[in-house]
Amino acid sequence: MLQLQEIQAELRAEKIDGWLFFDHHRRDPIAARILGLRGDGMITRRWLYLIPAKGQPRKLVHKIEAGTLDSLPGKKLLYSGHEELRKVLPKFLGRAKTLAMQYSPLNAIMYVAMVDAGSIELIKSCGRRIVSSADLVQKFEAAWTPAQIESHLAAGKLVDRVTQEAFAHAAETVKQGLAITEIDLIDWMRNRFDEYGLETTEGPHAAVGPNAGDPHYEPTRETAKKIQEGDLLLLDVWGKLKTPDSVYYDITWMGYLGTSVPEKYARKFSVVREARDRAVAFVQENVRAGRPIAGWQVDRVAREVIRKAGLGKYFVHRTGHSLGRDVHGAGANMDDLESHDVRRVIPNTCFSIEPGVYYPDFGIRSEVNVLVEEKDARVTGAVQSEILALLA
C-alpha cells in the first residue's frame, strides 16, 4: 500500500520537492513495490508518477496504456508521441525543482540506480535538479513491518534446521560409503524447503574443496563435485516463508567431513569468526548509544580484522548485503569495497554480515543476519563458533 502521507512528510523533512518514479517494461522493481503496483498487465510504454512534497500526486501515461497507474491517486496526464511527451513534461513536473529519482551519482549505490542516464537527462532538460532516492528507498522499501520481522524469524528457524539436517545427511551418506555430490545435497535441501514451507528463487548452495573458494559457485549436474571424507563443506542457505510479503533469512555455515578439523581450516575460520563478531559488536554498540553509522563503516571493521591477520587479499567481496523480499534487498549494504555505501543503517532493516577468505583449494565464510531495532541490534539466528567435525 502506498504510504503517501509518510512519503510526503519525509520529502518535506529532507527539503526535496518531489519523488519522481519513472519506468517502462518493469525495469524498476523498487518503484513497483513502493507504489504497490500489480505485477500483471502489459507495460511497454514509459510512465511517470510524481509524489510532490505537498499536494496531490500526478501521473503521466501513454494513451495506449492509459490505465497503467489507475490504482494510484492523483491527476492523470496523457501523451502519445515523443514530442508530446517533451511538451507536457514541464506541466507535469509543475513547480517541483528538486526531484528524487532511482539514481546514484557516479553509480556509487548501483542497487538503486534503476533509471537510465537518458531519462535522467530528459528530466534535467526541463530545468530540474535530480538527487538520489537511496535514503527514501531505505525507509519505504527496505524497512520491515512487524509482520515481515516475524516472517524472517520464522524462516530463520527453518533454514537453520535445514542447514544442520543437510550436514547430518551428508555425513551419514559418506559414512555409509554412498555417493553424494554437491548438486545431490542441494536437491535434498530443496526438498526440505518444500516440506517446511520455504521458498527461494535460486539456491541454496553447497560447495567442497576448490569450489568453496568461489564465493558465488553454482554447481550443475555436469560440474558438481563428489562430497567425500576429508572435504571441507560450505553451505550457503537462504529462504523465506511461502507467504505474501515475507522476507529472506540467509546464512553460511562450514563443516568438515572428518573426525577433527585440520588446523589450517580452524585457524582461518577463527579469523573470519572474529571479523564477523567485531562487525556485529560495532553495530550493536553504536545502535545502543544512538550513534549513526553507515554501511561502509561496518565493512571496514570486519575487513580490518582480516587485513591485520595478513589475509586481506583473500577477502574479495563486501561484508554484507541488505535483506528483503529479495535475498539482496534495497537497504544499506555493509560495503566499502565493491561500493562506498554511505547510507545510514536505520531501524527495522536487516542485513547479512558474512566475511570470508578464499583460496584456490578451499574457501571459508561465516554468515549471520543482523536486525536493527530502535535502540538495539541482534543476530536473528544460530551463530557458528567453530567448523563442525561432521564424522566425529
Foldseek 3Di string as FASTA:
>chain_A
DAPQLVLLVVCVVVVAFKAKEKDFPPLAVLVCVNQVFDPDDHGHDMKMWIRGSDDWIEIEEEPVPQCRNVVGDDHYDYDHDPVRCLVCVCVNCDPGAEYEYQCDVVCQVVLSHRDDPVVVVSNVVSNHHYDYCLQVSCVRPQFDDPVQVVQALVVQVQQVVLVVVLLLVLLVCQVVVHKDWFVNSFVVSVVSCVVSQKDAPDDWGKDKWQQQLDVPRDDDPVRTDIDHAQIKMKTWDKITGPDPFHKMFIWIAIAHNAQDDDPVQFVQVQLQQVLLVQLQVVVFVCLQVVHKDALQVSQVSSLVSCVVVVQNVQFQATQKAWIGNHRHTSHGHNDPDVHRTGHIDDANTKMKGKTKGHDSTHIDITIFMWHHHNNGIDTSHDGDDTHHHSND
